[in-house]
Amino acid sequence: MPRHTIPRPTPAEHSKAPSSAVQRRRAVIDRVLQFAEHLQPAERSLLRCAYDWGVNSREIALLTGLQPRTVRKRIKALLKRVNSAKFKRVLPLVPHFPEPRRTIAQLVILRGMRQRDAAIHLGLTVHQVRRELVHIDATCDAAEDNQQIHDLVASRRS
């Protein structure tokens, strides 16, 4: 069985208390699936099949017409994206970005679209997209700095 699937428990296993390792792993999977809500529908379905429903890469390949190796590579790339620091930093800030920065953040960072493709899709130049991505990084850095200052002030008060 591929290492990226979790077998569903049998009825006899339901009565046993789950170990802390299983609970931690389930918490990680739940967090990944929560982040997957911000992906494109096909990508979200792929992660759900693999991690929520326990379908292995061979079965997903049969359903999609892809090779099992391709399915595994796509899942690995999706996990890398949703677990990246940039994804996690940008996600809570996206609703606060002005247009077109919000759309660029959604397309390039959350959905993994290439900068050139996002520029064509939005009718912008690649330079404009890159400039907005620099602003996004600066906003994330500032938000992180503000959180650190807030945490420091709160710890001194208590």
Protein backbone atom coordinates (compact mmCIF):
# COMPACT_ATOMS: atom_id res chain seq x y z
CA MET A 1 0.00 0.00 0.00
CA PRO A 2 1.43 3.45 -0.86
CA ARG A 3 2.62 5.35 2.15
CA HIS A 4 0.36 8.36 1.45
CA THR A 5 -2.94 6.58 2.13
CA ILE A 6 -4.46 5.78 5.48
CA PRO A 7 -6.55 2.62 5.64
CA ARG A 8 -10.03 2.99 7.02
CA PRO A 9 -10.49 1.30 10.40
CA THR A 10 -12.48 -1.93 10.55
CA PRO A 11 -15.54 -2.10 12.82
CA ALA A 12 -13.48 -3.98 15.42
CA GLU A 13 -10.88 -1.22 15.40
CA HIS A 14 -13.51 1.44 16.02
CA SER A 15 -13.93 0.22 19.58
CA LYS A 16 -10.21 0.66 20.32
CA ALA A 17 -8.99 4.05 21.46
CA PRO A 18 -6.74 5.59 18.75
CA SER A 19 -3.10 6.04 19.64
CA SER A 20 -1.61 9.50 19.93
CA ALA A 21 0.41 8.91 16.72
CA VAL A 22 -2.78 8.15 14.81
CA GLN A 23 -4.47 11.22 16.30
CA ARG A 24 -1.54 13.44 15.31
CA ARG A 25 -1.51 12.03 11.80
CA ARG A 26 -5.26 12.55 11.47
CA ALA A 27 -4.85 16.13 12.69
CA VAL A 28 -2.22 16.76 10.01
CA ILE A 29 -4.46 15.24 7.35
CA ASP A 30 -7.42 17.32 8.53
CA ARG A 31 -5.29 20.47 8.28
CA VAL A 32 -4.17 19.53 4.76
CA LEU A 33 -7.77 18.92 3.73
CA GLN A 34 -8.77 22.25 5.24
CA PHE A 35 -6.08 24.00 3.18
CA ALA A 36 -7.23 22.01 0.14
CA GLU A 37 -10.48 23.99 0.19
CA HIS A 38 -8.50 26.83 -1.40
CA LEU A 39 -7.23 24.73 -4.31
CA GLN A 40 -8.82 24.17 -7.69
CA PRO A 41 -11.64 21.59 -7.64
CA ALA A 42 -9.61 18.88 -9.44
CA GLU A 43 -6.69 19.33 -7.02
CA ARG A 44 -9.02 19.32 -4.02
CA SER A 45 -10.67 16.11 -5.25
CA LEU A 46 -7.30 14.45 -5.72
CA LEU A 47 -6.27 15.18 -2.12
CA ARG A 48 -9.68 14.14 -0.82
CA CYS A 49 -9.53 10.83 -2.66
CA ALA A 50 -6.08 10.08 -1.31
CA TYR A 51 -6.39 11.32 2.26
CA ASP A 52 -10.05 11.56 3.18
CA TRP A 53 -11.40 8.50 1.41
CA GLY A 54 -8.23 6.38 1.48
CA VAL A 55 -8.15 5.64 -2.26
CA ASN A 56 -4.66 4.57 -3.35
CA SER A 57 -2.80 6.03 -6.32
CA ARG A 58 -3.43 3.01 -8.52
CA GLU A 59 -7.20 3.31 -8.06
CA ILE A 60 -7.08 7.09 -8.63
CA ALA A 61 -5.09 6.43 -11.81
CA LEU A 62 -7.79 4.07 -13.06
CA LEU A 63 -10.46 6.69 -12.40
CA THR A 64 -8.56 9.57 -14.01
CA GLY A 65 -6.78 7.80 -16.85
CA LEU A 66 -3.38 8.90 -15.52
CA GLN A 67 -0.40 6.78 -14.61
CA PRO A 68 -0.10 5.91 -10.87
CA ARG A 69 3.31 7.57 -10.80
CA THR A 70 1.80 10.79 -12.20
CA VAL A 71 -0.90 10.70 -9.52
CA ARG A 72 1.73 10.29 -6.79
CA LYS A 73 3.79 13.17 -8.21
CA ARG A 74 0.74 15.46 -8.32
CA ILE A 75 -0.22 14.59 -4.76
CA LYS A 76 3.34 15.24 -3.62
CA ALA A 77 3.39 18.62 -5.39
CA LEU A 78 0.02 19.57 -3.88
CA LEU A 79 1.18 18.61 -0.39
CA LYS A 80 4.34 20.63 -0.87
CA ARG A 81 2.28 23.67 -1.89
CA VAL A 82 -0.33 23.53 0.88
CA ASN A 83 2.31 22.85 3.51
CA SER A 84 4.60 25.64 2.32
CA ALA A 85 5.24 28.59 4.61
CA LYS A 86 4.19 31.00 1.85
CA PHE A 87 0.79 29.32 1.42
CA LYS A 88 0.16 29.45 5.17
CA ARG A 89 1.31 33.08 5.44
CA VAL A 90 -0.74 34.33 2.50
CA LEU A 91 -3.97 32.42 3.12
CA PRO A 92 -5.33 34.49 6.04
CA LEU A 93 -4.34 37.78 4.37
CA VAL A 94 -5.88 37.20 0.91
CA PRO A 95 -9.32 38.68 1.77
CA HIS A 96 -7.63 41.92 2.86
CA PHE A 97 -5.61 42.44 -0.34
CA PRO A 98 -6.84 44.99 -2.89
CA GLU A 99 -7.49 43.91 -6.48
CA PRO A 100 -5.60 42.70 -8.52
CA ARG A 101 -3.26 41.65 -5.68
CA ARG A 102 -5.92 39.36 -4.22
CA THR A 103 -6.46 37.58 -7.51
CA ILE A 104 -2.72 37.25 -8.13
CA ALA A 105 -2.23 35.77 -4.66
CA GLN A 106 -5.05 33.30 -5.26
CA LEU A 107 -3.83 32.27 -8.70
CA VAL A 108 -0.07 32.13 -8.16
CA ILE A 109 0.37 31.24 -4.49
CA LEU A 110 -2.77 29.35 -3.54
CA ARG A 111 -3.56 27.65 -6.85
CA GLY A 112 0.00 27.26 -8.10
CA MET A 113 -0.45 28.95 -11.46
CA ARG A 114 2.74 30.11 -13.17
CA GLN A 115 3.36 33.86 -13.13
CA ARG A 116 3.29 34.06 -16.92
CA ASP A 117 -0.05 32.24 -17.10
CA ALA A 118 -1.52 34.46 -14.38
CA ALA A 119 -0.37 37.55 -16.30
CA ILE A 120 -2.04 36.32 -19.49
CA HIS A 121 -5.19 35.33 -17.59
CA LEU A 122 -5.47 38.77 -15.95
CA GLY A 123 -4.32 40.81 -18.96
CA LEU A 124 -1.27 42.09 -17.09
CA THR A 125 2.42 41.99 -17.82
CA VAL A 126 4.65 39.49 -16.04
CA HIS A 127 6.44 42.46 -14.51
CA GLN A 128 3.18 43.69 -12.95
CA VAL A 129 2.48 40.24 -11.53
CA ARG A 130 5.99 40.03 -10.06
CA ARG A 131 5.65 43.50 -8.57
CA GLU A 132 2.40 42.50 -6.88
CA LEU A 133 4.05 39.33 -5.53
CA VAL A 134 6.77 41.51 -3.96
CA HIS A 135 4.00 43.56 -2.29
CA ILE A 136 2.38 40.35 -1.08
CA ASP A 137 5.66 39.17 0.47
CA ALA A 138 6.15 42.57 2.13
CA THR A 139 2.60 42.49 3.53
CA CYS A 140 3.16 39.00 4.92
CA ASP A 141 6.44 40.08 6.52
CA ALA A 142 4.77 43.11 8.09
CA ALA A 143 1.87 41.01 9.40
CA GLU A 144 4.34 38.53 10.88
CA ASP A 145 6.32 41.35 12.53
CA ASN A 146 3.11 42.85 13.95
CA GLN A 147 2.13 39.45 15.37
CA GLN A 148 5.54 39.05 17.00
CA ILE A 149 5.28 42.54 18.56
CA HIS A 150 1.75 41.80 19.74
CA ASP A 151 2.90 38.48 21.28
CA LEU A 152 5.83 40.21 23.02
CA VAL A 153 3.59 42.93 24.50
CA ALA A 154 1.03 40.35 25.63
CA SER A 155 3.71 38.24 27.31
CA ARG A 156 5.05 41.26 29.21
CA ARG A 157 1.58 42.12 30.49
CA SER A 158 1.07 38.69 32.05
